[in-house]
Full PDB file with SEQRES, HELIX, SHEET, SSBOND, CRYST1, ORIGX, SCALE, CONECT and MASTER records, all heavy atoms in Angstrom:
SEQRES   1 A   30  TRP ILE LEU ILE THR GLY PHE LEU LEU VAL THR LYS PRO          
SEQRES   2 A   30  SER SER ILE PHE ILE LYS THR ILE ILE SER ILE TRP SER          
SEQRES   3 A   30  PRO GLU ASN GLN                                              
HELIX    1 AA1 ILE A    2  LEU A    9  1                                   8    
HELIX    2 AA2 LYS A   12  ILE A   22  1                                  11    
HELIX    3 AA3 SER A   23  TRP A   25  5                                   3    
CRYST1    1.000    1.000    1.000  90.00  90.00  90.00 P 1           1          
ORIGX1      1.000000  0.000000  0.000000        0.00000                         
ORIGX2      0.000000  1.000000  0.000000        0.00000                         
ORIGX3      0.000000  0.000000  1.000000        0.00000                         
SCALE1      1.000000  0.000000  0.000000        0.00000                         
SCALE2      0.000000  1.000000  0.000000        0.00000                         
SCALE3      0.000000  0.000000  1.000000        0.00000                         
ATOM      1  N   TRP A   1       0.820  -1.203   0.000  1.00  0.00           N  
ATOM      2  CA  TRP A   1       0.000   0.000   0.000  1.00  0.00           C  
ATOM      3  C   TRP A   1       0.859   1.260   0.000  1.00  0.00           C  
ATOM      4  O   TRP A   1       0.530   2.246  -0.660  1.00  0.00           O  
ATOM      5  CB  TRP A   1      -0.947  -0.001   1.211  1.00  0.00           C  
ATOM      6  CG  TRP A   1      -2.014  -1.023   1.078  1.00  0.00           C  
ATOM      7  CD1 TRP A   1      -2.177  -2.161   1.803  1.00  0.00           C  
ATOM      8  CD2 TRP A   1      -3.076  -1.026   0.117  1.00  0.00           C  
ATOM      9  NE1 TRP A   1      -3.262  -2.869   1.368  1.00  0.00           N  
ATOM     10  CE2 TRP A   1      -3.838  -2.195   0.329  1.00  0.00           C  
ATOM     11  CE3 TRP A   1      -3.463  -0.163  -0.908  1.00  0.00           C  
ATOM     12  CZ2 TRP A   1      -4.963  -2.516  -0.421  1.00  0.00           C  
ATOM     13  CZ3 TRP A   1      -4.583  -0.487  -1.665  1.00  0.00           C  
ATOM     14  CH2 TRP A   1      -5.318  -1.644  -1.416  1.00  0.00           C  
ATOM     15  N   ILE A   2       1.970   1.226   0.729  1.00  0.00           N  
ATOM     16  CA  ILE A   2       2.870   2.386   0.751  1.00  0.00           C  
ATOM     17  C   ILE A   2       3.483   2.605  -0.625  1.00  0.00           C  
ATOM     18  O   ILE A   2       3.519   3.726  -1.150  1.00  0.00           O  
ATOM     19  CB  ILE A   2       3.977   2.186   1.807  1.00  0.00           C  
ATOM     20  CG1 ILE A   2       3.369   2.206   3.216  1.00  0.00           C  
ATOM     21  CG2 ILE A   2       5.050   3.276   1.676  1.00  0.00           C  
ATOM     22  CD1 ILE A   2       4.346   1.848   4.309  1.00  0.00           C  
ATOM     23  N   LEU A   3       3.959   1.538  -1.247  1.00  0.00           N  
ATOM     24  CA  LEU A   3       4.610   1.649  -2.552  1.00  0.00           C  
ATOM     25  C   LEU A   3       3.636   2.061  -3.645  1.00  0.00           C  
ATOM     26  O   LEU A   3       3.930   2.952  -4.453  1.00  0.00           O  
ATOM     27  CB  LEU A   3       5.277   0.313  -2.918  1.00  0.00           C  
ATOM     28  CG  LEU A   3       6.514  -0.062  -2.107  1.00  0.00           C  
ATOM     29  CD1 LEU A   3       6.935  -1.491  -2.404  1.00  0.00           C  
ATOM     30  CD2 LEU A   3       7.655   0.902  -2.403  1.00  0.00           C  
ATOM     31  N   ILE A   4       2.467   1.429  -3.693  1.00  0.00           N  
ATOM     32  CA  ILE A   4       1.519   1.713  -4.760  1.00  0.00           C  
ATOM     33  C   ILE A   4       1.000   3.147  -4.658  1.00  0.00           C  
ATOM     34  O   ILE A   4       0.816   3.839  -5.665  1.00  0.00           O  
ATOM     35  CB  ILE A   4       0.333   0.705  -4.748  1.00  0.00           C  
ATOM     36  CG1 ILE A   4      -0.418   0.752  -6.083  1.00  0.00           C  
ATOM     37  CG2 ILE A   4      -0.606   0.953  -3.599  1.00  0.00           C  
ATOM     38  CD1 ILE A   4       0.358   0.254  -7.252  1.00  0.00           C  
ATOM     39  N   THR A   5       0.807   3.625  -3.413  1.00  0.00           N  
ATOM     40  CA  THR A   5       0.344   5.006  -3.222  1.00  0.00           C  
ATOM     41  C   THR A   5       1.424   6.000  -3.634  1.00  0.00           C  
ATOM     42  O   THR A   5       1.151   6.996  -4.312  1.00  0.00           O  
ATOM     43  CB  THR A   5      -0.051   5.247  -1.754  1.00  0.00           C  
ATOM     44  OG1 THR A   5      -1.064   4.317  -1.384  1.00  0.00           O  
ATOM     45  CG2 THR A   5      -0.578   6.667  -1.570  1.00  0.00           C  
ATOM     46  N   GLY A   6       2.659   5.717  -3.245  1.00  0.00           N  
ATOM     47  CA  GLY A   6       3.764   6.607  -3.592  1.00  0.00           C  
ATOM     48  C   GLY A   6       4.000   6.691  -5.085  1.00  0.00           C  
ATOM     49  O   GLY A   6       4.138   7.791  -5.641  1.00  0.00           O  
ATOM     50  N   PHE A   7       4.036   5.545  -5.747  1.00  0.00           N  
ATOM     51  CA  PHE A   7       4.265   5.541  -7.194  1.00  0.00           C  
ATOM     52  C   PHE A   7       3.101   6.182  -7.944  1.00  0.00           C  
ATOM     53  O   PHE A   7       3.299   6.873  -8.950  1.00  0.00           O  
ATOM     54  CB  PHE A   7       4.494   4.108  -7.696  1.00  0.00           C  
ATOM     55  CG  PHE A   7       5.893   3.621  -7.470  1.00  0.00           C  
ATOM     56  CD1 PHE A   7       6.173   2.673  -6.508  1.00  0.00           C  
ATOM     57  CD2 PHE A   7       6.949   4.116  -8.234  1.00  0.00           C  
ATOM     58  CE1 PHE A   7       7.470   2.229  -6.294  1.00  0.00           C  
ATOM     59  CE2 PHE A   7       8.245   3.683  -8.031  1.00  0.00           C  
ATOM     60  CZ  PHE A   7       8.515   2.733  -7.057  1.00  0.00           C  
ATOM     61  N   LEU A   8       1.883   5.951  -7.468  1.00  0.00           N  
ATOM     62  CA  LEU A   8       0.722   6.575  -8.108  1.00  0.00           C  
ATOM     63  C   LEU A   8       0.761   8.090  -7.937  1.00  0.00           C  
ATOM     64  O   LEU A   8       0.410   8.848  -8.849  1.00  0.00           O  
ATOM     65  CB  LEU A   8      -0.564   6.012  -7.510  1.00  0.00           C  
ATOM     66  CG  LEU A   8      -1.878   6.537  -8.111  1.00  0.00           C  
ATOM     67  CD1 LEU A   8      -1.973   6.153  -9.583  1.00  0.00           C  
ATOM     68  CD2 LEU A   8      -3.075   5.993  -7.349  1.00  0.00           C  
ATOM     69  N   LEU A   9       1.240   8.546  -6.780  1.00  0.00           N  
ATOM     70  CA  LEU A   9       1.287   9.975  -6.485  1.00  0.00           C  
ATOM     71  C   LEU A   9       2.176  10.741  -7.461  1.00  0.00           C  
ATOM     72  O   LEU A   9       1.873  11.885  -7.809  1.00  0.00           O  
ATOM     73  CB  LEU A   9       1.779  10.191  -5.056  1.00  0.00           C  
ATOM     74  CG  LEU A   9       1.888  11.637  -4.559  1.00  0.00           C  
ATOM     75  CD1 LEU A   9       0.528  12.338  -4.633  1.00  0.00           C  
ATOM     76  CD2 LEU A   9       2.420  11.672  -3.136  1.00  0.00           C  
ATOM     77  N   VAL A  10       3.256  10.110  -7.923  1.00  0.00           N  
ATOM     78  CA  VAL A  10       4.186  10.829  -8.804  1.00  0.00           C  
ATOM     79  C   VAL A  10       3.807  10.716 -10.284  1.00  0.00           C  
ATOM     80  O   VAL A  10       4.550  11.174 -11.145  1.00  0.00           O  
ATOM     81  CB  VAL A  10       5.640  10.336  -8.613  1.00  0.00           C  
ATOM     82  CG1 VAL A  10       6.119  10.620  -7.214  1.00  0.00           C  
ATOM     83  CG2 VAL A  10       5.783   8.854  -8.944  1.00  0.00           C  
ATOM     84  N   THR A  11       2.655  10.132 -10.579  1.00  0.00           N  
ATOM     85  CA  THR A  11       2.210  10.050 -11.972  1.00  0.00           C  
ATOM     86  C   THR A  11       1.285  11.221 -12.295  1.00  0.00           C  
ATOM     87  O   THR A  11       1.695  12.370 -12.211  1.00  0.00           O  
ATOM     88  CB  THR A  11       1.535   8.700 -12.248  1.00  0.00           C  
ATOM     89  OG1 THR A  11       0.427   8.504 -11.332  1.00  0.00           O  
ATOM     90  CG2 THR A  11       2.521   7.547 -12.056  1.00  0.00           C  
ATOM     91  N   LYS A  12       0.061  10.953 -12.649  1.00  0.00           N  
ATOM     92  CA  LYS A  12      -0.847  12.015 -13.090  1.00  0.00           C  
ATOM     93  C   LYS A  12      -1.161  13.052 -12.013  1.00  0.00           C  
ATOM     94  O   LYS A  12      -1.236  14.250 -12.317  1.00  0.00           O  
ATOM     95  CB  LYS A  12      -2.140  11.404 -13.634  1.00  0.00           C  
ATOM     96  CG  LYS A  12      -3.037  12.430 -14.330  1.00  0.00           C  
ATOM     97  CD  LYS A  12      -4.212  11.766 -15.012  1.00  0.00           C  
ATOM     98  CE  LYS A  12      -5.073  12.804 -15.726  1.00  0.00           C  
ATOM     99  NZ  LYS A  12      -6.231  12.188 -16.424  1.00  0.00           N  
ATOM    100  N   PRO A  13      -1.366  12.654 -10.733  1.00  0.00           N  
ATOM    101  CA  PRO A  13      -1.631  13.684  -9.722  1.00  0.00           C  
ATOM    102  C   PRO A  13      -0.532  14.744  -9.647  1.00  0.00           C  
ATOM    103  O   PRO A  13      -0.834  15.938  -9.535  1.00  0.00           O  
ATOM    104  CB  PRO A  13      -1.712  12.868  -8.417  1.00  0.00           C  
ATOM    105  CG  PRO A  13      -2.177  11.531  -8.855  1.00  0.00           C  
ATOM    106  CD  PRO A  13      -1.504  11.300 -10.183  1.00  0.00           C  
ATOM    107  N   SER A  14       0.721  14.308  -9.721  1.00  0.00           N  
ATOM    108  CA  SER A  14       1.827  15.274  -9.683  1.00  0.00           C  
ATOM    109  C   SER A  14       1.840  16.140 -10.939  1.00  0.00           C  
ATOM    110  O   SER A  14       2.150  17.341 -10.871  1.00  0.00           O  
ATOM    111  CB  SER A  14       3.160  14.538  -9.547  1.00  0.00           C  
ATOM    112  OG  SER A  14       3.283  13.936  -8.279  1.00  0.00           O  
ATOM    113  N   SER A  15       1.516  15.551 -12.081  1.00  0.00           N  
ATOM    114  CA  SER A  15       1.473  16.321 -13.325  1.00  0.00           C  
ATOM    115  C   SER A  15       0.440  17.437 -13.234  1.00  0.00           C  
ATOM    116  O   SER A  15       0.698  18.582 -13.645  1.00  0.00           O  
ATOM    117  CB  SER A  15       1.143  15.402 -14.505  1.00  0.00           C  
ATOM    118  OG  SER A  15       2.150  14.437 -14.704  1.00  0.00           O  
ATOM    119  N   ILE A  16      -0.731  17.113 -12.694  1.00  0.00           N  
ATOM    120  CA  ILE A  16      -1.784  18.116 -12.542  1.00  0.00           C  
ATOM    121  C   ILE A  16      -1.357  19.191 -11.553  1.00  0.00           C  
ATOM    122  O   ILE A  16      -1.572  20.394 -11.772  1.00  0.00           O  
ATOM    123  CB  ILE A  16      -3.092  17.448 -12.090  1.00  0.00           C  
ATOM    124  CG1 ILE A  16      -3.599  16.492 -13.179  1.00  0.00           C  
ATOM    125  CG2 ILE A  16      -4.153  18.493 -11.751  1.00  0.00           C  
ATOM    126  CD1 ILE A  16      -4.803  15.677 -12.769  1.00  0.00           C  
ATOM    127  N   PHE A  17      -0.724  18.775 -10.453  1.00  0.00           N  
ATOM    128  CA  PHE A  17      -0.264  19.720  -9.442  1.00  0.00           C  
ATOM    129  C   PHE A  17       0.763  20.686 -10.023  1.00  0.00           C  
ATOM    130  O   PHE A  17       0.666  21.912  -9.836  1.00  0.00           O  
ATOM    131  CB  PHE A  17       0.345  18.951  -8.267  1.00  0.00           C  
ATOM    132  CG  PHE A  17       0.941  19.835  -7.206  1.00  0.00           C  
ATOM    133  CD1 PHE A  17       0.140  20.478  -6.277  1.00  0.00           C  
ATOM    134  CD2 PHE A  17       2.314  20.028  -7.139  1.00  0.00           C  
ATOM    135  CE1 PHE A  17       0.691  21.306  -5.302  1.00  0.00           C  
ATOM    136  CE2 PHE A  17       2.877  20.846  -6.177  1.00  0.00           C  
ATOM    137  CZ  PHE A  17       2.066  21.489  -5.247  1.00  0.00           C  
ATOM    138  N   ILE A  18       1.735  20.146 -10.760  1.00  0.00           N  
ATOM    139  CA  ILE A  18       2.779  20.984 -11.360  1.00  0.00           C  
ATOM    140  C   ILE A  18       2.179  21.941 -12.381  1.00  0.00           C  
ATOM    141  O   ILE A  18       2.515  23.135 -12.407  1.00  0.00           O  
ATOM    142  CB  ILE A  18       3.858  20.101 -12.019  1.00  0.00           C  
ATOM    143  CG1 ILE A  18       4.593  19.290 -10.958  1.00  0.00           C  
ATOM    144  CG2 ILE A  18       4.857  20.950 -12.801  1.00  0.00           C  
ATOM    145  CD1 ILE A  18       5.481  18.204 -11.532  1.00  0.00           C  
ATOM    146  N   LYS A  19       1.291  21.430 -13.211  1.00  0.00           N  
ATOM    147  CA  LYS A  19       0.657  22.272 -14.226  1.00  0.00           C  
ATOM    148  C   LYS A  19      -0.120  23.420 -13.599  1.00  0.00           C  
ATOM    149  O   LYS A  19      -0.098  24.556 -14.094  1.00  0.00           O  
ATOM    150  CB  LYS A  19      -0.273  21.424 -15.098  1.00  0.00           C  
ATOM    151  CG  LYS A  19      -0.908  22.193 -16.246  1.00  0.00           C  
ATOM    152  CD  LYS A  19      -1.770  21.273 -17.101  1.00  0.00           C  
ATOM    153  CE  LYS A  19      -2.410  22.049 -18.243  1.00  0.00           C  
ATOM    154  NZ  LYS A  19      -3.276  21.161 -19.091  1.00  0.00           N  
ATOM    155  N   THR A  20      -0.797  23.123 -12.482  1.00  0.00           N  
ATOM    156  CA  THR A  20      -1.571  24.154 -11.792  1.00  0.00           C  
ATOM    157  C   THR A  20      -0.661  25.216 -11.188  1.00  0.00           C  
ATOM    158  O   THR A  20      -0.936  26.417 -11.288  1.00  0.00           O  
ATOM    159  CB  THR A  20      -2.425  23.519 -10.680  1.00  0.00           C  
ATOM    160  OG1 THR A  20      -3.289  22.527 -11.251  1.00  0.00           O  
ATOM    161  CG2 THR A  20      -3.266  24.572  -9.973  1.00  0.00           C  
ATOM    162  N   ILE A  21       0.433  24.771 -10.586  1.00  0.00           N  
ATOM    163  CA  ILE A  21       1.353  25.689  -9.924  1.00  0.00           C  
ATOM    164  C   ILE A  21       2.012  26.643 -10.917  1.00  0.00           C  
ATOM    165  O   ILE A  21       2.108  27.854 -10.692  1.00  0.00           O  
ATOM    166  CB  ILE A  21       2.429  24.924  -9.135  1.00  0.00           C  
ATOM    167  CG1 ILE A  21       1.800  24.192  -7.949  1.00  0.00           C  
ATOM    168  CG2 ILE A  21       3.531  25.869  -8.649  1.00  0.00           C  
ATOM    169  CD1 ILE A  21       1.150  25.090  -6.922  1.00  0.00           C  
ATOM    170  N   ILE A  22       2.485  26.101 -12.045  1.00  0.00           N  
ATOM    171  CA  ILE A  22       3.254  26.932 -12.979  1.00  0.00           C  
ATOM    172  C   ILE A  22       2.382  27.577 -14.052  1.00  0.00           C  
ATOM    173  O   ILE A  22       2.900  28.254 -14.949  1.00  0.00           O  
ATOM    174  CB  ILE A  22       4.376  26.105 -13.651  1.00  0.00           C  
ATOM    175  CG1 ILE A  22       3.785  25.002 -14.535  1.00  0.00           C  
ATOM    176  CG2 ILE A  22       5.302  25.511 -12.616  1.00  0.00           C  
ATOM    177  CD1 ILE A  22       4.838  24.207 -15.290  1.00  0.00           C  
ATOM    178  N   SER A  23       1.059  27.390 -13.964  1.00  0.00           N  
ATOM    179  CA  SER A  23       0.170  27.950 -14.994  1.00  0.00           C  
ATOM    180  C   SER A  23       0.200  29.478 -15.014  1.00  0.00           C  
ATOM    181  O   SER A  23      -0.089  30.094 -16.041  1.00  0.00           O  
ATOM    182  CB  SER A  23      -1.259  27.456 -14.774  1.00  0.00           C  
ATOM    183  OG  SER A  23      -1.752  27.882 -13.508  1.00  0.00           O  
ATOM    184  N   ILE A  24       0.548  30.080 -13.880  1.00  0.00           N  
ATOM    185  CA  ILE A  24       0.579  31.549 -13.836  1.00  0.00           C  
ATOM    186  C   ILE A  24       1.710  32.116 -14.690  1.00  0.00           C  
ATOM    187  O   ILE A  24       1.692  33.281 -15.069  1.00  0.00           O  
ATOM    188  CB  ILE A  24       0.728  32.061 -12.388  1.00  0.00           C  
ATOM    189  CG1 ILE A  24       2.006  31.484 -11.750  1.00  0.00           C  
ATOM    190  CG2 ILE A  24      -0.494  31.712 -11.565  1.00  0.00           C  
ATOM    191  CD1 ILE A  24       2.287  32.054 -10.368  1.00  0.00           C  
ATOM    192  N   TRP A  25       2.706  31.261 -15.014  1.00  0.00           N  
ATOM    193  CA  TRP A  25       3.813  31.713 -15.854  1.00  0.00           C  
ATOM    194  C   TRP A  25       3.750  31.107 -17.251  1.00  0.00           C  
ATOM    195  O   TRP A  25       4.630  31.331 -18.068  1.00  0.00           O  
ATOM    196  CB  TRP A  25       5.158  31.326 -15.235  1.00  0.00           C  
ATOM    197  CG  TRP A  25       5.372  31.889 -13.870  1.00  0.00           C  
ATOM    198  CD1 TRP A  25       5.421  33.201 -13.512  1.00  0.00           C  
ATOM    199  CD2 TRP A  25       5.566  31.146 -12.662  1.00  0.00           C  
ATOM    200  NE1 TRP A  25       5.639  33.331 -12.169  1.00  0.00           N  
ATOM    201  CE2 TRP A  25       5.734  32.083 -11.608  1.00  0.00           C  
ATOM    202  CE3 TRP A  25       5.618  29.786 -12.346  1.00  0.00           C  
ATOM    203  CZ2 TRP A  25       5.955  31.714 -10.290  1.00  0.00           C  
ATOM    204  CZ3 TRP A  25       5.841  29.400 -11.039  1.00  0.00           C  
ATOM    205  CH2 TRP A  25       5.996  30.358 -10.027  1.00  0.00           C  
ATOM    206  N   SER A  26       2.737  30.273 -17.515  1.00  0.00           N  
ATOM    207  CA  SER A  26       2.701  29.489 -18.752  1.00  0.00           C  
ATOM    208  C   SER A  26       2.683  30.370 -20.001  1.00  0.00           C  
ATOM    209  O   SER A  26       1.703  31.086 -20.242  1.00  0.00           O  
ATOM    210  CB  SER A  26       1.469  28.581 -18.759  1.00  0.00           C  
ATOM    211  OG  SER A  26       1.408  27.849 -19.955  1.00  0.00           O  
ATOM    212  N   PRO A  27       3.736  30.285 -20.808  1.00  0.00           N  
ATOM    213  CA  PRO A  27       3.760  31.040 -22.072  1.00  0.00           C  
ATOM    214  C   PRO A  27       3.058  30.254 -23.168  1.00  0.00           C  
ATOM    215  O   PRO A  27       3.670  29.742 -24.099  1.00  0.00           O  
ATOM    216  CB  PRO A  27       5.259  31.181 -22.355  1.00  0.00           C  
ATOM    217  CG  PRO A  27       5.852  29.949 -21.751  1.00  0.00           C  
ATOM    218  CD  PRO A  27       5.002  29.594 -20.562  1.00  0.00           C  
ATOM    219  N   GLU A  28       1.726  30.100 -23.023  1.00  0.00           N  
ATOM    220  CA  GLU A  28       0.965  29.210 -23.898  1.00  0.00           C  
ATOM    221  C   GLU A  28       1.068  29.600 -25.372  1.00  0.00           C  
ATOM    222  O   GLU A  28       1.142  28.758 -26.251  1.00  0.00           O  
ATOM    223  CB  GLU A  28      -0.500  29.167 -23.455  1.00  0.00           C  
ATOM    224  CG  GLU A  28      -0.682  28.546 -22.071  1.00  0.00           C  
ATOM    225  CD  GLU A  28      -2.141  28.506 -21.675  1.00  0.00           C  
ATOM    226  OE1 GLU A  28      -2.967  29.016 -22.468  1.00  0.00           O  
ATOM    227  OE2 GLU A  28      -2.460  27.973 -20.609  1.00  0.00           O  
ATOM    228  N   ASN A  29       1.079  30.901 -25.649  1.00  0.00           N  
ATOM    229  CA  ASN A  29       1.157  31.323 -27.046  1.00  0.00           C  
ATOM    230  C   ASN A  29       2.468  30.905 -27.690  1.00  0.00           C  
ATOM    231  O   ASN A  29       2.508  30.389 -28.801  1.00  0.00           O  
ATOM    232  CB  ASN A  29       1.011  32.850 -27.122  1.00  0.00           C  
ATOM    233  CG  ASN A  29      -0.373  33.314 -26.716  1.00  0.00           C  
ATOM    234  OD1 ASN A  29      -1.337  32.568 -26.859  1.00  0.00           O  
ATOM    235  ND2 ASN A  29      -0.465  34.532 -26.216  1.00  0.00           N  
ATOM    236  N   GLN A  30       3.579  31.092 -26.940  1.00  0.00           N  
ATOM    237  CA  GLN A  30       4.880  30.698 -27.474  1.00  0.00           C  
ATOM    238  C   GLN A  30       4.959  29.201 -27.681  1.00  0.00           C  
ATOM    239  O   GLN A  30       5.497  28.708 -28.666  1.00  0.00           O  
ATOM    240  CB  GLN A  30       6.004  31.147 -26.533  1.00  0.00           C  
ATOM    241  CG  GLN A  30       6.193  32.647 -26.469  1.00  0.00           C  
ATOM    242  CD  GLN A  30       5.390  33.259 -25.324  1.00  0.00           C  
ATOM    243  OE1 GLN A  30       4.294  32.807 -25.011  1.00  0.00           O  
ATOM    244  NE2 GLN A  30       5.937  34.301 -24.732  1.00  0.00           N  
TER     245      GLN A  30                                                      
MASTER        0    0    0    3    0    0    0    6  244    1    0    3          
END                                                                             
């Protein structure tokens, strides 16, 4: 349970978290 939760955490949930955090600087047009 510890391993599966940890590995799952660094997949899509982390991607969404990172995208949300850096969206204020996102140079989408470029």
